[in-house]
Amino acid sequence: MVIKGVDWWAPYDIKFSWVQVQWLLSHYSTICEGRWPHEDKEGGYTDIGGITQMGRKDKRRRWAFFETPCEIAAELDERMARIGPLGSVIRDIYIHGWTQEKVARWWGISQSRIHYWQRLGMYYMTGRNRKQIP
């Protein structure tokens, strides 16, 4: 899935905005493996696993390289689990790459209902309406 505008974020840039959540879900398998998706440009970010500034060399890391991606993956999992069937719709569309039409056939409901569930689920995933869903 191609996200409009920005095609890469460093871990310290993640604020769980709509576009960032879409990007994270499109790289979900890589993040779950404890690796951060590589930036397509040459140079720049030197510490893919941790939160290190560009060009700066730290003496020692205070955490394992896979901790930050795994923490973000766990947060995505928790948010998807909290919204039940909406989380499954989000998973099918953004992680598995299914179309709304395919998801609607799978669930046996209308495509407009899937679109509504997708939007409602993404509102929760991005922090909106989080208090309203038990």
N, C-alpha and C. Protein backbone atom coordinates (compact mmCIF):
# COMPACT_ATOMS: atom_id res chain seq x y z
N MET A 1 0.85 -1.18 0.00
CA MET A 1 0.00 0.00 0.00
C MET A 1 0.89 1.23 0.00
N VAL A 2 0.61 2.14 -0.89
CA VAL A 2 1.37 3.39 -0.99
C VAL A 2 0.62 4.46 -0.20
N ILE A 3 1.33 5.12 0.68
CA ILE A 3 0.75 6.17 1.50
C ILE A 3 1.12 7.51 0.87
N LYS A 4 0.14 8.40 0.74
CA LYS A 4 0.37 9.71 0.12
C LYS A 4 1.37 10.53 0.91
N GLY A 5 2.28 11.18 0.20
CA GLY A 5 3.17 12.15 0.83
C GLY A 5 4.44 11.58 1.40
N VAL A 6 4.36 10.89 2.51
CA VAL A 6 5.55 10.42 3.21
C VAL A 6 5.63 8.90 3.09
N ASP A 7 6.82 8.40 2.83
CA ASP A 7 6.96 6.95 2.68
C ASP A 7 7.83 6.32 3.76
N TRP A 8 8.22 7.07 4.77
CA TRP A 8 9.02 6.51 5.85
C TRP A 8 8.98 7.42 7.07
N TRP A 9 8.93 6.82 8.24
CA TRP A 9 9.03 7.55 9.51
C TRP A 9 10.03 6.85 10.40
N ALA A 10 10.77 7.64 11.16
CA ALA A 10 11.64 7.09 12.19
C ALA A 10 10.77 6.75 13.40
N PRO A 11 11.21 5.84 14.25
CA PRO A 11 10.40 5.46 15.42
C PRO A 11 10.00 6.65 16.30
N TYR A 12 10.91 7.62 16.45
CA TYR A 12 10.59 8.75 17.31
C TYR A 12 9.58 9.71 16.69
N ASP A 13 9.27 9.54 15.40
CA ASP A 13 8.27 10.38 14.73
C ASP A 13 6.85 9.84 14.88
N ILE A 14 6.69 8.62 15.35
CA ILE A 14 5.38 7.98 15.39
C ILE A 14 4.51 8.60 16.48
N LYS A 15 3.37 9.16 16.04
CA LYS A 15 2.38 9.74 16.95
C LYS A 15 1.01 9.08 16.76
N PHE A 16 0.96 8.00 15.96
CA PHE A 16 -0.26 7.25 15.66
C PHE A 16 -1.31 8.12 14.97
N SER A 17 -0.87 8.93 14.02
CA SER A 17 -1.82 9.65 13.18
C SER A 17 -2.41 8.67 12.18
N TRP A 18 -3.43 9.11 11.46
CA TRP A 18 -4.12 8.24 10.50
C TRP A 18 -3.13 7.67 9.47
N VAL A 19 -2.33 8.54 8.86
CA VAL A 19 -1.39 8.11 7.83
C VAL A 19 -0.29 7.23 8.43
N GLN A 20 0.17 7.56 9.62
CA GLN A 20 1.21 6.75 10.26
C GLN A 20 0.70 5.36 10.61
N VAL A 21 -0.54 5.26 11.10
CA VAL A 21 -1.10 3.95 11.42
C VAL A 21 -1.23 3.12 10.14
N GLN A 22 -1.68 3.73 9.05
CA GLN A 22 -1.74 3.01 7.78
C GLN A 22 -0.34 2.52 7.38
N TRP A 23 0.66 3.38 7.52
CA TRP A 23 2.02 3.00 7.17
C TRP A 23 2.53 1.88 8.06
N LEU A 24 2.28 2.00 9.37
CA LEU A 24 2.72 0.95 10.31
C LEU A 24 2.07 -0.38 9.97
N LEU A 25 0.77 -0.36 9.68
CA LEU A 25 0.06 -1.60 9.36
C LEU A 25 0.57 -2.20 8.05
N SER A 26 0.96 -1.36 7.10
CA SER A 26 1.49 -1.89 5.84
C SER A 26 2.87 -2.53 6.02
N HIS A 27 3.57 -2.18 7.10
CA HIS A 27 4.87 -2.77 7.43
C HIS A 27 4.78 -3.65 8.68
N TYR A 28 3.60 -4.12 8.98
CA TYR A 28 3.33 -4.84 10.23
C TYR A 28 4.23 -6.06 10.43
N SER A 29 4.40 -6.88 9.40
CA SER A 29 5.19 -8.11 9.57
C SER A 29 6.65 -7.78 9.89
N THR A 30 7.20 -6.77 9.24
CA THR A 30 8.58 -6.36 9.51
C THR A 30 8.72 -5.85 10.94
N ILE A 31 7.77 -5.05 11.38
CA ILE A 31 7.81 -4.48 12.73
C ILE A 31 7.66 -5.58 13.78
N CYS A 32 6.79 -6.56 13.51
CA CYS A 32 6.60 -7.67 14.45
C CYS A 32 7.86 -8.52 14.59
N GLU A 33 8.68 -8.56 13.55
CA GLU A 33 9.94 -9.31 13.60
C GLU A 33 11.02 -8.55 14.38
N GLY A 34 10.70 -7.35 14.84
CA GLY A 34 11.66 -6.57 15.61
C GLY A 34 12.59 -5.74 14.75
N ARG A 35 12.21 -5.55 13.48
CA ARG A 35 13.02 -4.73 12.58
C ARG A 35 12.19 -3.52 12.16
N TRP A 36 12.85 -2.40 12.00
CA TRP A 36 12.18 -1.19 11.53
C TRP A 36 12.34 -1.12 10.02
N PRO A 37 11.29 -0.77 9.28
CA PRO A 37 11.41 -0.68 7.82
C PRO A 37 12.51 0.31 7.43
N HIS A 38 13.29 -0.08 6.43
CA HIS A 38 14.40 0.76 5.98
C HIS A 38 13.88 1.92 5.15
N GLU A 39 14.56 3.04 5.29
CA GLU A 39 14.26 4.19 4.46
C GLU A 39 14.86 3.94 3.08
N ASP A 40 14.16 4.33 2.04
CA ASP A 40 14.61 4.07 0.68
C ASP A 40 15.80 4.92 0.27
N LYS A 41 15.98 6.07 0.92
CA LYS A 41 17.10 6.95 0.57
C LYS A 41 18.41 6.39 1.10
N GLU A 42 19.50 6.78 0.45
CA GLU A 42 20.82 6.41 0.95
C GLU A 42 21.22 7.38 2.06
N GLY A 43 22.00 6.86 3.01
CA GLY A 43 22.51 7.71 4.09
C GLY A 43 21.43 8.04 5.09
N GLY A 44 21.73 8.98 5.98
CA GLY A 44 20.74 9.44 6.94
C GLY A 44 20.68 8.59 8.19
N TYR A 45 19.54 8.04 8.45
CA TYR A 45 19.25 7.34 9.70
C TYR A 45 20.16 6.13 9.87
N THR A 46 20.94 6.10 10.93
CA THR A 46 21.96 5.07 11.07
C THR A 46 21.60 3.96 12.03
N ASP A 47 20.61 4.14 12.86
CA ASP A 47 20.28 3.15 13.87
C ASP A 47 18.83 2.74 13.69
N ILE A 48 18.57 1.76 12.84
CA ILE A 48 17.22 1.39 12.46
C ILE A 48 16.43 0.87 13.65
N GLY A 49 17.06 0.14 14.56
CA GLY A 49 16.31 -0.47 15.65
C GLY A 49 15.99 0.45 16.80
N GLY A 50 16.78 1.43 17.04
CA GLY A 50 16.58 2.27 18.21
C GLY A 50 16.26 3.70 17.83
N ILE A 51 16.20 4.54 18.83
CA ILE A 51 15.87 5.93 18.57
C ILE A 51 17.15 6.74 18.75
N THR A 52 17.92 6.84 17.69
CA THR A 52 19.18 7.57 17.71
C THR A 52 19.09 8.66 16.66
N GLN A 53 19.64 9.81 16.94
CA GLN A 53 19.59 10.91 15.97
C GLN A 53 20.51 10.63 14.80
N MET A 54 20.23 11.27 13.69
CA MET A 54 21.00 11.07 12.48
C MET A 54 22.45 11.50 12.68
N GLY A 55 23.38 10.62 12.30
CA GLY A 55 24.78 10.95 12.34
C GLY A 55 25.43 10.92 13.72
N ARG A 56 24.66 10.73 14.78
CA ARG A 56 25.20 10.74 16.13
C ARG A 56 25.62 9.33 16.52
N LYS A 57 26.77 9.21 17.14
CA LYS A 57 27.22 7.88 17.56
C LYS A 57 27.15 7.80 19.08
N ASP A 58 26.33 6.90 19.56
CA ASP A 58 26.23 6.69 21.00
C ASP A 58 27.27 5.65 21.42
N LYS A 59 27.73 5.75 22.66
CA LYS A 59 28.69 4.77 23.15
C LYS A 59 28.02 3.40 23.27
N ARG A 60 26.90 3.36 23.93
CA ARG A 60 26.17 2.10 24.09
C ARG A 60 24.68 2.39 24.07
N ARG A 61 23.97 1.46 23.51
CA ARG A 61 22.52 1.55 23.50
C ARG A 61 21.99 1.08 24.85
N ARG A 62 20.93 1.67 25.32
CA ARG A 62 20.36 1.27 26.60
C ARG A 62 19.22 0.28 26.43
N TRP A 63 18.96 -0.13 25.21
CA TRP A 63 17.90 -1.10 24.94
C TRP A 63 18.30 -1.93 23.72
N ALA A 64 17.66 -3.05 23.56
CA ALA A 64 17.94 -3.90 22.40
C ALA A 64 17.36 -3.27 21.14
N PHE A 65 17.96 -3.55 19.99
CA PHE A 65 17.53 -2.93 18.74
C PHE A 65 16.10 -3.25 18.38
N PHE A 66 15.58 -4.38 18.85
CA PHE A 66 14.24 -4.79 18.47
C PHE A 66 13.16 -4.29 19.41
N GLU A 67 13.53 -3.66 20.50
CA GLU A 67 12.53 -3.25 21.49
C GLU A 67 11.54 -2.22 20.96
N THR A 68 12.01 -1.19 20.31
CA THR A 68 11.11 -0.14 19.82
C THR A 68 10.13 -0.67 18.80
N PRO A 69 10.56 -1.41 17.76
CA PRO A 69 9.57 -1.96 16.83
C PRO A 69 8.58 -2.91 17.51
N CYS A 70 9.06 -3.73 18.43
CA CYS A 70 8.18 -4.67 19.12
C CYS A 70 7.16 -3.95 20.01
N GLU A 71 7.58 -2.85 20.64
CA GLU A 71 6.65 -2.07 21.45
C GLU A 71 5.56 -1.44 20.59
N ILE A 72 5.94 -0.95 19.41
CA ILE A 72 4.95 -0.36 18.51
C ILE A 72 4.02 -1.44 17.98
N ALA A 73 4.55 -2.62 17.64
CA ALA A 73 3.72 -3.73 17.18
C ALA A 73 2.75 -4.17 18.27
N ALA A 74 3.22 -4.20 19.51
CA ALA A 74 2.35 -4.57 20.63
C ALA A 74 1.23 -3.55 20.82
N GLU A 75 1.55 -2.28 20.64
CA GLU A 75 0.53 -1.23 20.75
C GLU A 75 -0.52 -1.39 19.65
N LEU A 76 -0.07 -1.68 18.42
CA LEU A 76 -1.03 -1.92 17.34
C LEU A 76 -1.90 -3.13 17.63
N ASP A 77 -1.29 -4.21 18.12
CA ASP A 77 -2.05 -5.42 18.47
C ASP A 77 -3.09 -5.13 19.54
N GLU A 78 -2.69 -4.39 20.55
CA GLU A 78 -3.61 -4.05 21.65
C GLU A 78 -4.78 -3.22 21.14
N ARG A 79 -4.50 -2.24 20.29
CA ARG A 79 -5.57 -1.40 19.76
C ARG A 79 -6.51 -2.21 18.88
N MET A 80 -5.97 -3.13 18.08
CA MET A 80 -6.84 -3.96 17.24
C MET A 80 -7.65 -4.94 18.08
N ALA A 81 -7.06 -5.48 19.14
CA ALA A 81 -7.77 -6.42 19.99
C ALA A 81 -8.91 -5.75 20.75
N ARG A 82 -8.70 -4.49 21.17
CA ARG A 82 -9.71 -3.78 21.94
C ARG A 82 -10.99 -3.50 21.16
N ILE A 83 -10.91 -3.47 19.82
CA ILE A 83 -12.09 -3.12 19.04
C ILE A 83 -12.75 -4.32 18.37
N GLY A 84 -12.32 -5.53 18.73
CA GLY A 84 -12.98 -6.75 18.30
C GLY A 84 -13.08 -6.90 16.79
N PRO A 85 -14.32 -7.05 16.25
CA PRO A 85 -14.47 -7.27 14.81
C PRO A 85 -13.93 -6.12 13.96
N LEU A 86 -13.97 -4.91 14.50
CA LEU A 86 -13.40 -3.77 13.76
C LEU A 86 -11.90 -3.97 13.56
N GLY A 87 -11.24 -4.52 14.57
CA GLY A 87 -9.82 -4.81 14.46
C GLY A 87 -9.53 -5.86 13.40
N SER A 88 -10.43 -6.84 13.27
CA SER A 88 -10.27 -7.85 12.22
C SER A 88 -10.41 -7.23 10.84
N VAL A 89 -11.34 -6.29 10.70
CA VAL A 89 -11.51 -5.60 9.42
C VAL A 89 -10.26 -4.78 9.11
N ILE A 90 -9.73 -4.08 10.10
CA ILE A 90 -8.50 -3.30 9.91
C ILE A 90 -7.37 -4.22 9.49
N ARG A 91 -7.24 -5.35 10.17
CA ARG A 91 -6.19 -6.33 9.86
C ARG A 91 -6.33 -6.84 8.42
N ASP A 92 -7.56 -7.20 8.03
CA ASP A 92 -7.78 -7.74 6.68
C ASP A 92 -7.44 -6.71 5.60
N ILE A 93 -7.83 -5.47 5.81
CA ILE A 93 -7.63 -4.44 4.78
C ILE A 93 -6.18 -3.96 4.73
N TYR A 94 -5.61 -3.60 5.87
CA TYR A 94 -4.30 -2.96 5.87
C TYR A 94 -3.13 -3.94 5.94
N ILE A 95 -3.28 -5.05 6.64
CA ILE A 95 -2.17 -5.99 6.78
C ILE A 95 -2.21 -7.04 5.68
N HIS A 96 -3.39 -7.62 5.44
CA HIS A 96 -3.51 -8.68 4.43
C HIS A 96 -3.70 -8.12 3.03
N GLY A 97 -4.06 -6.83 2.93
CA GLY A 97 -4.19 -6.19 1.62
C GLY A 97 -5.49 -6.51 0.89
N TRP A 98 -6.52 -6.95 1.61
CA TRP A 98 -7.80 -7.26 0.99
C TRP A 98 -8.52 -5.96 0.62
N THR A 99 -9.36 -6.03 -0.40
CA THR A 99 -10.20 -4.89 -0.75
C THR A 99 -11.43 -4.89 0.15
N GLN A 100 -12.10 -3.76 0.21
CA GLN A 100 -13.34 -3.69 1.00
C GLN A 100 -14.37 -4.67 0.47
N GLU A 101 -14.39 -4.85 -0.85
CA GLU A 101 -15.34 -5.79 -1.46
C GLU A 101 -15.08 -7.23 -0.98
N LYS A 102 -13.82 -7.62 -0.96
CA LYS A 102 -13.46 -8.97 -0.51
C LYS A 102 -13.80 -9.17 0.96
N VAL A 103 -13.51 -8.15 1.78
CA VAL A 103 -13.83 -8.23 3.21
C VAL A 103 -15.34 -8.32 3.41
N ALA A 104 -16.09 -7.55 2.62
CA ALA A 104 -17.56 -7.59 2.72
C ALA A 104 -18.09 -8.98 2.38
N ARG A 105 -17.55 -9.59 1.34
CA ARG A 105 -17.97 -10.96 0.99
C ARG A 105 -17.61 -11.92 2.10
N TRP A 106 -16.42 -11.78 2.66
CA TRP A 106 -15.96 -12.67 3.73
C TRP A 106 -16.87 -12.58 4.96
N TRP A 107 -17.23 -11.36 5.33
CA TRP A 107 -18.06 -11.14 6.50
C TRP A 107 -19.55 -11.31 6.20
N GLY A 108 -19.91 -11.29 4.92
CA GLY A 108 -21.31 -11.45 4.54
C GLY A 108 -22.16 -10.23 4.82
N ILE A 109 -21.56 -9.05 4.73
CA ILE A 109 -22.30 -7.81 4.94
C ILE A 109 -21.98 -6.84 3.80
N SER A 110 -22.66 -5.71 3.79
CA SER A 110 -22.50 -4.76 2.67
C SER A 110 -21.13 -4.08 2.71
N GLN A 111 -20.70 -3.64 1.54
CA GLN A 111 -19.42 -2.94 1.43
C GLN A 111 -19.48 -1.60 2.15
N SER A 112 -20.64 -0.96 2.15
CA SER A 112 -20.75 0.32 2.87
C SER A 112 -20.59 0.12 4.38
N ARG A 113 -21.04 -1.02 4.89
CA ARG A 113 -20.88 -1.33 6.31
C ARG A 113 -19.39 -1.56 6.63
N ILE A 114 -18.68 -2.25 5.73
CA ILE A 114 -17.25 -2.47 5.91
C ILE A 114 -16.51 -1.14 5.89
N HIS A 115 -16.89 -0.26 4.97
CA HIS A 115 -16.27 1.07 4.90
C HIS A 115 -16.48 1.81 6.22
N TYR A 116 -17.69 1.75 6.77
CA TYR A 116 -18.00 2.39 8.05
C TYR A 116 -17.15 1.77 9.17
N TRP A 117 -17.08 0.44 9.21
CA TRP A 117 -16.29 -0.25 10.23
C TRP A 117 -14.80 0.11 10.11
N GLN A 118 -14.32 0.18 8.87
CA GLN A 118 -12.92 0.54 8.65
C GLN A 118 -12.65 1.94 9.19
N ARG A 119 -13.51 2.88 8.88
CA ARG A 119 -13.32 4.25 9.33
C ARG A 119 -13.42 4.33 10.86
N LEU A 120 -14.41 3.66 11.43
CA LEU A 120 -14.58 3.66 12.88
C LEU A 120 -13.37 3.02 13.58
N GLY A 121 -12.89 1.91 13.01
CA GLY A 121 -11.71 1.24 13.58
C GLY A 121 -10.47 2.11 13.50
N MET A 122 -10.30 2.81 12.39
CA MET A 122 -9.13 3.69 12.25
C MET A 122 -9.23 4.89 13.19
N TYR A 123 -10.45 5.38 13.44
CA TYR A 123 -10.59 6.46 14.42
C TYR A 123 -10.07 5.99 15.78
N TYR A 124 -10.41 4.75 16.14
CA TYR A 124 -9.93 4.23 17.41
C TYR A 124 -8.41 4.03 17.38
N MET A 125 -7.91 3.46 16.30
CA MET A 125 -6.47 3.17 16.19
C MET A 125 -5.64 4.45 16.25
N THR A 126 -6.21 5.57 15.81
CA THR A 126 -5.46 6.83 15.81
C THR A 126 -5.70 7.65 17.08
N GLY A 127 -6.45 7.11 18.02
CA GLY A 127 -6.64 7.79 19.30
C GLY A 127 -7.98 8.47 19.45
N ARG A 128 -8.72 8.64 18.36
CA ARG A 128 -10.04 9.26 18.48
C ARG A 128 -11.03 8.21 18.96
N ASN A 129 -11.98 8.62 19.75
CA ASN A 129 -13.06 7.74 20.25
C ASN A 129 -12.54 6.56 21.08
N ARG A 130 -11.32 6.60 21.57
CA ARG A 130 -10.78 5.46 22.33
C ARG A 130 -11.50 5.25 23.64
N LYS A 131 -11.99 6.30 24.25
CA LYS A 131 -12.69 6.16 25.52
C LYS A 131 -14.10 5.62 25.34
N GLN A 132 -14.64 5.71 24.13
CA GLN A 132 -16.01 5.27 23.89
C GLN A 132 -16.12 3.77 23.63
N ILE A 133 -15.03 3.12 23.30
CA ILE A 133 -15.06 1.68 23.03
C ILE A 133 -14.54 0.96 24.25
N PRO A 134 -15.34 0.04 24.82
CA PRO A 134 -14.93 -0.63 26.06
C PRO A 134 -13.70 -1.50 25.90
